[in-house]
């Protein structure tokens, strides 16, 4: 299986247990831009009724699929809030978004 297909299989195996909470660690790591977009849309489609905890370094993925975001930097709390609040946070912009 291709890398993206392996990630989908892993998520499918986790979903087979009918969880209420899904933990995903870097689900788009190593994917092409197209695969990343597809995977983000897929993960977002799972969010109702699941609660999803996502660890992801690609802030565009995070901002595209999240309702509430907690941002850590070097293991320390940096910011928390909605997509709009996090995107507007000066420290998040400096560290992750380079805006």
PDB file of N, CA and C in Angstrom:
ATOM      1  N   UNK A   1       0.829  -1.192   0.000  1.00  0.00           N
ATOM      2  CA  UNK A   1       0.000   0.000   0.000  1.00  0.00           C
ATOM      3  C   UNK A   1       0.873   1.255   0.000  1.00  0.00           C
ATOM      4  N   UNK A   2       0.384   2.272  -0.669  1.00  0.00           N
ATOM      5  CA  UNK A   2       1.055   3.570  -0.637  1.00  0.00           C
ATOM      6  C   UNK A   2       0.923   4.160   0.768  1.00  0.00           C
ATOM      7  N   UNK A   3       1.790   5.116   1.084  1.00  0.00           N
ATOM      8  CA  UNK A   3       1.810   5.699   2.428  1.00  0.00           C
ATOM      9  C   UNK A   3       0.436   6.242   2.836  1.00  0.00           C
ATOM     10  N   UNK A   4      -0.195   7.012   1.959  1.00  0.00           N
ATOM     11  CA  UNK A   4      -1.511   7.574   2.264  1.00  0.00           C
ATOM     12  C   UNK A   4      -2.547   6.496   2.510  1.00  0.00           C
ATOM     13  N   UNK A   5      -2.488   5.437   1.719  1.00  0.00           N
ATOM     14  CA  UNK A   5      -3.416   4.319   1.897  1.00  0.00           C
ATOM     15  C   UNK A   5      -3.184   3.627   3.237  1.00  0.00           C
ATOM     16  N   UNK A   6      -1.929   3.517   3.646  1.00  0.00           N
ATOM     17  CA  UNK A   6      -1.614   2.923   4.949  1.00  0.00           C
ATOM     18  C   UNK A   6      -2.228   3.748   6.078  1.00  0.00           C
ATOM     19  N   UNK A   7      -2.150   5.063   5.955  1.00  0.00           N
ATOM     20  CA  UNK A   7      -2.725   5.931   6.997  1.00  0.00           C
ATOM     21  C   UNK A   7      -4.242   5.760   7.062  1.00  0.00           C
ATOM     22  N   UNK A   8      -4.890   5.663   5.898  1.00  0.00           N
ATOM     23  CA  UNK A   8      -6.335   5.437   5.876  1.00  0.00           C
ATOM     24  C   UNK A   8      -6.674   4.096   6.515  1.00  0.00           C
ATOM     25  N   UNK A   9      -5.889   3.076   6.234  1.00  0.00           N
ATOM     26  CA  UNK A   9      -6.103   1.760   6.830  1.00  0.00           C
ATOM     27  C   UNK A   9      -5.972   1.840   8.349  1.00  0.00           C
ATOM     28  N   UNK A  10      -4.957   2.535   8.836  1.00  0.00           N
ATOM     29  CA  UNK A  10      -4.766   2.694  10.279  1.00  0.00           C
ATOM     30  C   UNK A  10      -5.970   3.387  10.917  1.00  0.00           C
ATOM     31  N   UNK A  11      -6.461   4.436  10.284  1.00  0.00           N
ATOM     32  CA  UNK A  11      -7.636   5.141  10.805  1.00  0.00           C
ATOM     33  C   UNK A  11      -8.846   4.215  10.767  1.00  0.00           C
ATOM     34  N   UNK A  12      -8.993   3.462   9.680  1.00  0.00           N
ATOM     35  CA  UNK A  12     -10.100   2.514   9.568  1.00  0.00           C
ATOM     36  C   UNK A  12     -10.077   1.459  10.659  1.00  0.00           C
ATOM     37  N   UNK A  13      -8.905   0.955  10.968  1.00  0.00           N
ATOM     38  CA  UNK A  13      -8.772  -0.036  12.043  1.00  0.00           C
ATOM     39  C   UNK A  13      -9.207   0.584  13.372  1.00  0.00           C
ATOM     40  N   UNK A  14      -8.784   1.812  13.616  1.00  0.00           N
ATOM     41  CA  UNK A  14      -9.188   2.494  14.852  1.00  0.00           C
ATOM     42  C   UNK A  14     -10.699   2.706  14.892  1.00  0.00           C
ATOM     43  N   UNK A  15     -11.294   3.041  13.758  1.00  0.00           N
ATOM     44  CA  UNK A  15     -12.739   3.281  13.704  1.00  0.00           C
ATOM     45  C   UNK A  15     -13.545   1.998  13.880  1.00  0.00           C
ATOM     46  N   UNK A  16     -12.947   0.859  13.556  1.00  0.00           N
ATOM     47  CA  UNK A  16     -13.647  -0.425  13.674  1.00  0.00           C
ATOM     48  C   UNK A  16     -14.027  -0.743  15.116  1.00  0.00           C
ATOM     49  N   UNK A  17     -13.372  -0.103  16.065  1.00  0.00           N
ATOM     50  CA  UNK A  17     -13.686  -0.331  17.478  1.00  0.00           C
ATOM     51  C   UNK A  17     -14.826   0.561  17.963  1.00  0.00           C
ATOM     52  N   UNK A  18     -15.419   1.349  17.065  1.00  0.00           N
ATOM     53  CA  UNK A  18     -16.510   2.272  17.368  1.00  0.00           C
ATOM     54  C   UNK A  18     -16.152   3.218  18.523  1.00  0.00           C
ATOM     55  N   UNK A  19     -15.057   3.955  18.379  1.00  0.00           N
ATOM     56  CA  UNK A  19     -14.604   4.817  19.482  1.00  0.00           C
ATOM     57  C   UNK A  19     -15.446   6.084  19.608  1.00  0.00           C
ATOM     58  N   UNK A  20     -15.400   6.679  20.766  1.00  0.00           N
ATOM     59  CA  UNK A  20     -15.996   8.001  20.972  1.00  0.00           C
ATOM     60  C   UNK A  20     -14.916   9.078  20.848  1.00  0.00           C
ATOM     61  N   UNK A  21     -13.659   8.658  21.045  1.00  0.00           N
ATOM     62  CA  UNK A  21     -12.504   9.545  20.972  1.00  0.00           C
ATOM     63  C   UNK A  21     -11.480   8.927  20.029  1.00  0.00           C
ATOM     64  N   UNK A  22     -10.987   9.722  19.099  1.00  0.00           N
ATOM     65  CA  UNK A  22      -9.985   9.255  18.142  1.00  0.00           C
ATOM     66  C   UNK A  22      -8.735  10.120  18.290  1.00  0.00           C
ATOM     67  N   UNK A  23      -7.611   9.483  18.586  1.00  0.00           N
ATOM     68  CA  UNK A  23      -6.334  10.184  18.716  1.00  0.00           C
ATOM     69  C   UNK A  23      -5.533   9.984  17.437  1.00  0.00           C
ATOM     70  N   UNK A  24      -5.126  11.069  16.797  1.00  0.00           N
ATOM     71  CA  UNK A  24      -4.364  10.994  15.553  1.00  0.00           C
ATOM     72  C   UNK A  24      -3.049  11.749  15.714  1.00  0.00           C
ATOM     73  N   UNK A  25      -1.952  11.055  15.454  1.00  0.00           N
ATOM     74  CA  UNK A  25      -0.622  11.647  15.570  1.00  0.00           C
ATOM     75  C   UNK A  25      -0.032  11.819  14.176  1.00  0.00           C
ATOM     76  N   UNK A  26       0.064  13.065  13.733  1.00  0.00           N
ATOM     77  CA  UNK A  26       0.634  13.398  12.424  1.00  0.00           C
ATOM     78  C   UNK A  26      -0.003  12.582  11.288  1.00  0.00           C
ATOM     79  N   UNK A  27      -1.324  12.624  11.150  1.00  0.00           N
ATOM     80  CA  UNK A  27      -1.970  11.788  10.142  1.00  0.00           C
ATOM     81  C   UNK A  27      -1.622  12.140   8.698  1.00  0.00           C
ATOM     82  N   UNK A  28      -1.113  13.346   8.452  1.00  0.00           N
ATOM     83  CA  UNK A  28      -0.787  13.729   7.074  1.00  0.00           C
ATOM     84  C   UNK A  28       0.712  13.743   6.801  1.00  0.00           C
ATOM     85  N   UNK A  29       1.516  13.304   7.763  1.00  0.00           N
ATOM     86  CA  UNK A  29       2.975  13.308   7.582  1.00  0.00           C
ATOM     87  C   UNK A  29       3.372  12.460   6.381  1.00  0.00           C
ATOM     88  N   UNK A  30       4.214  13.009   5.528  1.00  0.00           N
ATOM     89  CA  UNK A  30       4.723  12.281   4.377  1.00  0.00           C
ATOM     90  C   UNK A  30       3.780  12.203   3.194  1.00  0.00           C
ATOM     91  N   UNK A  31       2.655  12.901   3.267  1.00  0.00           N
ATOM     92  CA  UNK A  31       1.684  12.860   2.172  1.00  0.00           C
ATOM     93  C   UNK A  31       1.928  13.990   1.186  1.00  0.00           C
ATOM     94  N   UNK A  32       1.497  13.761  -0.044  1.00  0.00           N
ATOM     95  CA  UNK A  32       1.543  14.810  -1.060  1.00  0.00           C
ATOM     96  C   UNK A  32       0.512  15.883  -0.695  1.00  0.00           C
ATOM     97  N   UNK A  33       0.607  17.058  -1.297  1.00  0.00           N
ATOM     98  CA  UNK A  33      -0.394  18.095  -1.022  1.00  0.00           C
ATOM     99  C   UNK A  33      -1.825  17.628  -1.303  1.00  0.00           C
ATOM    100  N   UNK A  34      -2.018  16.873  -2.370  1.00  0.00           N
ATOM    101  CA  UNK A  34      -3.353  16.379  -2.700  1.00  0.00           C
ATOM    102  C   UNK A  34      -3.848  15.390  -1.653  1.00  0.00           C
ATOM    103  N   UNK A  35      -2.976  14.471  -1.235  1.00  0.00           N
ATOM    104  CA  UNK A  35      -3.342  13.501  -0.201  1.00  0.00           C
ATOM    105  C   UNK A  35      -3.635  14.204   1.122  1.00  0.00           C
ATOM    106  N   UNK A  36      -2.872  15.242   1.421  1.00  0.00           N
ATOM    107  CA  UNK A  36      -3.077  15.994   2.654  1.00  0.00           C
ATOM    108  C   UNK A  36      -4.455  16.632   2.668  1.00  0.00           C
ATOM    109  N   UNK A  37      -4.853  17.236   1.564  1.00  0.00           N
ATOM    110  CA  UNK A  37      -6.180  17.857   1.468  1.00  0.00           C
ATOM    111  C   UNK A  37      -7.265  16.803   1.635  1.00  0.00           C
ATOM    112  N   UNK A  38      -7.143  15.685   0.923  1.00  0.00           N
ATOM    113  CA  UNK A  38      -8.136  14.608   1.020  1.00  0.00           C
ATOM    114  C   UNK A  38      -8.231  14.074   2.438  1.00  0.00           C
ATOM    115  N   UNK A  39      -7.091  13.866   3.066  1.00  0.00           N
ATOM    116  CA  UNK A  39      -7.074  13.320   4.419  1.00  0.00           C
ATOM    117  C   UNK A  39      -7.682  14.306   5.407  1.00  0.00           C
ATOM    118  N   UNK A  40      -7.375  15.581   5.252  1.00  0.00           N
ATOM    119  CA  UNK A  40      -7.981  16.599   6.110  1.00  0.00           C
ATOM    120  C   UNK A  40      -9.489  16.608   5.989  1.00  0.00           C
ATOM    121  N   UNK A  41      -9.996  16.529   4.768  1.00  0.00           N
ATOM    122  CA  UNK A  41     -11.442  16.492   4.553  1.00  0.00           C
ATOM    123  C   UNK A  41     -12.049  15.236   5.170  1.00  0.00           C
ATOM    124  N   UNK A  42     -11.355  14.106   5.025  1.00  0.00           N
ATOM    125  CA  UNK A  42     -11.824  12.848   5.602  1.00  0.00           C
ATOM    126  C   UNK A  42     -11.885  12.941   7.128  1.00  0.00           C
ATOM    127  N   UNK A  43     -10.835  13.458   7.740  1.00  0.00           N
ATOM    128  CA  UNK A  43     -10.806  13.583   9.201  1.00  0.00           C
ATOM    129  C   UNK A  43     -11.922  14.509   9.672  1.00  0.00           C
ATOM    130  N   UNK A  44     -12.107  15.615   8.974  1.00  0.00           N
ATOM    131  CA  UNK A  44     -13.170  16.553   9.350  1.00  0.00           C
ATOM    132  C   UNK A  44     -14.541  15.888   9.261  1.00  0.00           C
ATOM    133  N   UNK A  45     -14.731  15.009   8.295  1.00  0.00           N
ATOM    134  CA  UNK A  45     -16.021  14.323   8.153  1.00  0.00           C
ATOM    135  C   UNK A  45     -16.298  13.366   9.308  1.00  0.00           C
ATOM    136  N   UNK A  46     -15.255  12.952  10.023  1.00  0.00           N
ATOM    137  CA  UNK A  46     -15.412  12.033  11.153  1.00  0.00           C
ATOM    138  C   UNK A  46     -15.783  12.750  12.447  1.00  0.00           C
ATOM    139  N   UNK A  47     -15.672  14.056  12.470  1.00  0.00           N
ATOM    140  CA  UNK A  47     -15.779  14.820  13.714  1.00  0.00           C
ATOM    141  C   UNK A  47     -17.165  14.810  14.339  1.00  0.00           C
ATOM    142  N   UNK A  48     -18.160  14.359  13.651  1.00  0.00           N
ATOM    143  CA  UNK A  48     -19.489  14.240  14.238  1.00  0.00           C
ATOM    144  C   UNK A  48     -19.950  12.817  14.043  1.00  0.00           C
ATOM    145  N   UNK A  49     -20.007  12.012  15.052  1.00  0.00           N
ATOM    146  CA  UNK A  49     -20.101  12.287  16.484  1.00  0.00           C
ATOM    147  C   UNK A  49     -18.797  12.098  17.260  1.00  0.00           C
ATOM    148  N   UNK A  50     -17.689  11.853  16.602  1.00  0.00           N
ATOM    149  CA  UNK A  50     -16.423  11.606  17.300  1.00  0.00           C
ATOM    150  C   UNK A  50     -15.790  12.887  17.836  1.00  0.00           C
ATOM    151  N   UNK A  51     -15.073  12.743  18.922  1.00  0.00           N
ATOM    152  CA  UNK A  51     -14.142  13.767  19.367  1.00  0.00           C
ATOM    153  C   UNK A  51     -12.777  13.345  18.847  1.00  0.00           C
ATOM    154  N   UNK A  52     -12.091  14.247  18.179  1.00  0.00           N
ATOM    155  CA  UNK A  52     -10.790  13.925  17.593  1.00  0.00           C
ATOM    156  C   UNK A  52      -9.724  14.804  18.236  1.00  0.00           C
ATOM    157  N   UNK A  53      -8.687  14.157  18.742  1.00  0.00           N
ATOM    158  CA  UNK A  53      -7.511  14.864  19.244  1.00  0.00           C
ATOM    159  C   UNK A  53      -6.423  14.649  18.205  1.00  0.00           C
ATOM    160  N   UNK A  54      -5.925  15.738  17.670  1.00  0.00           N
ATOM    161  CA  UNK A  54      -5.002  15.701  16.545  1.00  0.00           C
ATOM    162  C   UNK A  54      -3.673  16.346  16.933  1.00  0.00           C
ATOM    163  N   UNK A  55      -2.592  15.629  16.722  1.00  0.00           N
ATOM    164  CA  UNK A  55      -1.251  16.198  16.859  1.00  0.00           C
ATOM    165  C   UNK A  55      -0.738  16.374  15.438  1.00  0.00           C
ATOM    166  N   UNK A  56      -0.453  17.608  15.060  1.00  0.00           N
ATOM    167  CA  UNK A  56      -0.087  17.886  13.664  1.00  0.00           C
ATOM    168  C   UNK A  56       0.775  19.137  13.616  1.00  0.00           C
ATOM    169  N   UNK A  57       1.877  19.066  12.883  1.00  0.00           N
ATOM    170  CA  UNK A  57       2.756  20.220  12.735  1.00  0.00           C
ATOM    171  C   UNK A  57       2.371  21.112  11.556  1.00  0.00           C
ATOM    172  N   UNK A  58       1.589  20.604  10.629  1.00  0.00           N
ATOM    173  CA  UNK A  58       1.153  21.387   9.471  1.00  0.00           C
ATOM    174  C   UNK A  58      -0.027  22.252   9.905  1.00  0.00           C
ATOM    175  N   UNK A  59       0.251  23.523  10.190  1.00  0.00           N
ATOM    176  CA  UNK A  59      -0.789  24.405  10.711  1.00  0.00           C
ATOM    177  C   UNK A  59      -1.936  24.610   9.730  1.00  0.00           C
ATOM    178  N   UNK A  60      -1.680  24.520   8.442  1.00  0.00           N
ATOM    179  CA  UNK A  60      -2.779  24.658   7.481  1.00  0.00           C
ATOM    180  C   UNK A  60      -3.768  23.504   7.631  1.00  0.00           C
ATOM    181  N   UNK A  61      -3.264  22.306   7.895  1.00  0.00           N
ATOM    182  CA  UNK A  61      -4.144  21.159   8.156  1.00  0.00           C
ATOM    183  C   UNK A  61      -4.949  21.423   9.422  1.00  0.00           C
ATOM    184  N   UNK A  62      -4.263  21.826  10.481  1.00  0.00           N
ATOM    185  CA  UNK A  62      -4.923  22.088  11.762  1.00  0.00           C
ATOM    186  C   UNK A  62      -6.009  23.150  11.599  1.00  0.00           C
ATOM    187  N   UNK A  63      -5.664  24.257  10.972  1.00  0.00           N
ATOM    188  CA  UNK A  63      -6.616  25.355  10.809  1.00  0.00           C
ATOM    189  C   UNK A  63      -7.779  24.967   9.907  1.00  0.00           C
ATOM    190  N   UNK A  64      -7.543  24.038   8.988  1.00  0.00           N
ATOM    191  CA  UNK A  64      -8.588  23.633   8.057  1.00  0.00           C
ATOM    192  C   UNK A  64      -9.602  22.661   8.616  1.00  0.00           C
ATOM    193  N   UNK A  65      -9.253  21.936   9.679  1.00  0.00           N
ATOM    194  CA  UNK A  65     -10.172  20.892  10.146  1.00  0.00           C
ATOM    195  C   UNK A  65     -10.597  21.019  11.601  1.00  0.00           C
ATOM    196  N   UNK A  66     -10.073  21.990  12.318  1.00  0.00           N
ATOM    197  CA  UNK A  66     -10.308  22.052  13.761  1.00  0.00           C
ATOM    198  C   UNK A  66     -11.374  23.064  14.142  1.00  0.00           C
ATOM    199  N   UNK A  67     -12.066  22.756  15.250  1.00  0.00           N
ATOM    200  CA  UNK A  67     -13.001  23.701  15.858  1.00  0.00           C
ATOM    201  C   UNK A  67     -12.322  24.459  16.989  1.00  0.00           C
ATOM    202  N   UNK A  68     -11.545  23.724  17.780  1.00  0.00           N
ATOM    203  CA  UNK A  68     -10.811  24.302  18.903  1.00  0.00           C
ATOM    204  C   UNK A  68      -9.370  23.831  18.805  1.00  0.00           C
ATOM    205  N   UNK A  69      -8.443  24.747  19.034  1.00  0.00           N
ATOM    206  CA  UNK A  69      -7.024  24.445  18.851  1.00  0.00           C
ATOM    207  C   UNK A  69      -6.251  24.841  20.105  1.00  0.00           C
ATOM    208  N   UNK A  70      -5.363  23.958  20.525  1.00  0.00           N
ATOM    209  CA  UNK A  70      -4.381  24.274  21.553  1.00  0.00           C
ATOM    210  C   UNK A  70      -3.019  24.174  20.884  1.00  0.00           C
ATOM    211  N   UNK A  71      -2.243  25.240  20.959  1.00  0.00           N
ATOM    212  CA  UNK A  71      -0.942  25.289  20.299  1.00  0.00           C
ATOM    213  C   UNK A  71       0.156  25.177  21.352  1.00  0.00           C
ATOM    214  N   UNK A  72       1.077  24.244  21.117  1.00  0.00           N
ATOM    215  CA  UNK A  72       2.253  24.085  21.969  1.00  0.00           C
ATOM    216  C   UNK A  72       3.488  24.444  21.157  1.00  0.00           C
ATOM    217  N   UNK A  73       4.494  24.964  21.836  1.00  0.00           N
ATOM    218  CA  UNK A  73       5.782  25.240  21.197  1.00  0.00           C
ATOM    219  C   UNK A  73       6.869  24.807  22.161  1.00  0.00           C
ATOM    220  N   UNK A  74       7.720  23.896  21.708  1.00  0.00           N
ATOM    221  CA  UNK A  74       8.766  23.328  22.561  1.00  0.00           C
ATOM    222  C   UNK A  74       8.188  22.763  23.853  1.00  0.00           C
ATOM    223  N   UNK A  75       7.008  22.140  23.745  1.00  0.00           N
ATOM    224  CA  UNK A  75       6.373  21.497  24.888  1.00  0.00           C
ATOM    225  C   UNK A  75       5.639  22.423  25.831  1.00  0.00           C
ATOM    226  N   UNK A  76       5.629  23.707  25.550  1.00  0.00           N
ATOM    227  CA  UNK A  76       4.963  24.677  26.422  1.00  0.00           C
ATOM    228  C   UNK A  76       3.717  25.239  25.741  1.00  0.00           C
ATOM    229  N   UNK A  77       2.704  25.525  26.541  1.00  0.00           N
ATOM    230  CA  UNK A  77       1.465  26.119  26.051  1.00  0.00           C
ATOM    231  C   UNK A  77       1.760  27.464  25.400  1.00  0.00           C
ATOM    232  N   UNK A  78       1.199  27.667  24.210  1.00  0.00           N
ATOM    233  CA  UNK A  78       1.392  28.924  23.492  1.00  0.00           C
ATOM    234  C   UNK A  78       0.079  29.675  23.320  1.00  0.00           C
ATOM    235  N   UNK A  79      -0.977  28.950  22.912  1.00  0.00           N
ATOM    236  CA  UNK A  79      -2.258  29.607  22.665  1.00  0.00           C
ATOM    237  C   UNK A  79      -3.364  28.563  22.605  1.00  0.00           C
ATOM    238  N   UNK A  80      -4.598  29.045  22.778  1.00  0.00           N
ATOM    239  CA  UNK A  80      -5.759  28.168  22.650  1.00  0.00           C
ATOM    240  C   UNK A  80      -6.937  29.003  22.199  1.00  0.00           C
ATOM    241  N   UNK A  81      -7.799  28.405  21.393  1.00  0.00           N
ATOM    242  CA  UNK A  81      -8.998  29.105  20.970  1.00  0.00           C
ATOM    243  C   UNK A  81      -9.558  28.545  19.682  1.00  0.00           C
ATOM    244  N   UNK A  82     -10.449  29.319  19.085  1.00  0.00           N
ATOM    245  CA  UNK A  82     -11.025  28.951  17.800  1.00  0.00           C
ATOM    246  C   UNK A  82      -9.975  29.158  16.708  1.00  0.00           C
ATOM    247  N   UNK A  83     -10.299  28.728  15.519  1.00  0.00           N
ATOM    248  CA  UNK A  83      -9.392  28.930  14.388  1.00  0.00           C
ATOM    249  C   UNK A  83      -9.067  30.414  14.237  1.00  0.00           C
ATOM    250  N   UNK A  84     -10.091  31.249  14.307  1.00  0.00           N
ATOM    251  CA  UNK A  84      -9.887  32.687  14.135  1.00  0.00           C
ATOM    252  C   UNK A  84      -8.999  33.261  15.233  1.00  0.00           C
ATOM    253  N   UNK A  85      -9.238  32.830  16.480  1.00  0.00           N
ATOM    254  CA  UNK A  85      -8.441  33.338  17.597  1.00  0.00           C
ATOM    255  C   UNK A  85      -6.980  32.911  17.482  1.00  0.00           C
ATOM    256  N   UNK A  86      -6.765  31.661  17.130  1.00  0.00           N
ATOM    257  CA  UNK A  86      -5.394  31.156  17.005  1.00  0.00           C
ATOM    258  C   UNK A  86      -4.690  31.811  15.825  1.00  0.00           C
ATOM    259  N   UNK A  87      -5.395  31.949  14.712  1.00  0.00           N
ATOM    260  CA  UNK A  87      -4.798  32.580  13.528  1.00  0.00           C
ATOM    261  C   UNK A  87      -4.404  34.033  13.813  1.00  0.00           C
ATOM    262  N   UNK A  88      -5.166  34.714  14.681  1.00  0.00           N
ATOM    263  CA  UNK A  88      -4.902  36.120  14.995  1.00  0.00           C
ATOM    264  C   UNK A  88      -3.854  36.299  16.092  1.00  0.00           C
ATOM    265  N   UNK A  89      -3.472  35.231  16.768  1.00  0.00           N
ATOM    266  CA  UNK A  89      -2.524  35.314  17.877  1.00  0.00           C
ATOM    267  C   UNK A  89      -1.125  35.656  17.354  1.00  0.00           C
ATOM    268  N   UNK A  90      -0.549  36.728  17.866  1.00  0.00           N
ATOM    269  CA  UNK A  90       0.753  37.202  17.381  1.00  0.00           C
ATOM    270  C   UNK A  90       1.862  36.172  17.579  1.00  0.00           C
ATOM    271  N   UNK A  91       1.866  35.466  18.700  1.00  0.00           N
ATOM    272  CA  UNK A  91       2.908  34.464  18.950  1.00  0.00           C
ATOM    273  C   UNK A  91       2.772  33.278  18.001  1.00  0.00           C
ATOM    274  N   UNK A  92       1.544  32.844  17.749  1.00  0.00           N
ATOM    275  CA  UNK A  92       1.327  31.746  16.802  1.00  0.00           C
ATOM    276  C   UNK A  92       1.789  32.172  15.415  1.00  0.00           C
ATOM    277  N   UNK A  93       1.477  33.392  15.033  1.00  0.00           N
ATOM    278  CA  UNK A  93       1.918  33.895  13.736  1.00  0.00           C
ATOM    279  C   UNK A  93       3.435  33.895  13.641  1.00  0.00           C
ATOM    280  N   UNK A  94       4.090  34.349  14.691  1.00  0.00           N
ATOM    281  CA  UNK A  94       5.548  34.434  14.682  1.00  0.00           C
ATOM    282  C   UNK A  94       6.189  33.047  14.624  1.00  0.00           C
ATOM    283  N   UNK A  95       5.675  32.112  15.413  1.00  0.00           N
ATOM    284  CA  UNK A  95       6.315  30.803  15.547  1.00  0.00           C
ATOM    285  C   UNK A  95       5.920  29.841  14.433  1.00  0.00           C
ATOM    286  N   UNK A  96       4.637  29.830  14.062  1.00  0.00           N
ATOM    287  CA  UNK A  96       4.157  28.804  13.137  1.00  0.00           C
ATOM    288  C   UNK A  96       3.679  29.316  11.785  1.00  0.00           C
ATOM    289  N   UNK A  97       3.044  30.462  11.771  1.00  0.00           N
ATOM    290  CA  UNK A  97       2.400  30.899  10.531  1.00  0.00           C
ATOM    291  C   UNK A  97       3.258  31.840   9.708  1.00  0.00           C
ATOM    292  N   UNK A  98       4.238  32.463  10.320  1.00  0.00           N
ATOM    293  CA  UNK A  98       5.152  33.373   9.620  1.00  0.00           C
ATOM    294  C   UNK A  98       4.397  34.438   8.827  1.00  0.00           C
ATOM    295  N   UNK A  99       3.333  34.949   9.427  1.00  0.00           N
ATOM    296  CA  UNK A  99       2.525  35.971   8.743  1.00  0.00           C
ATOM    297  C   UNK A  99       2.961  37.358   9.140  1.00  0.00           C
TER     298      UNK A  99
END
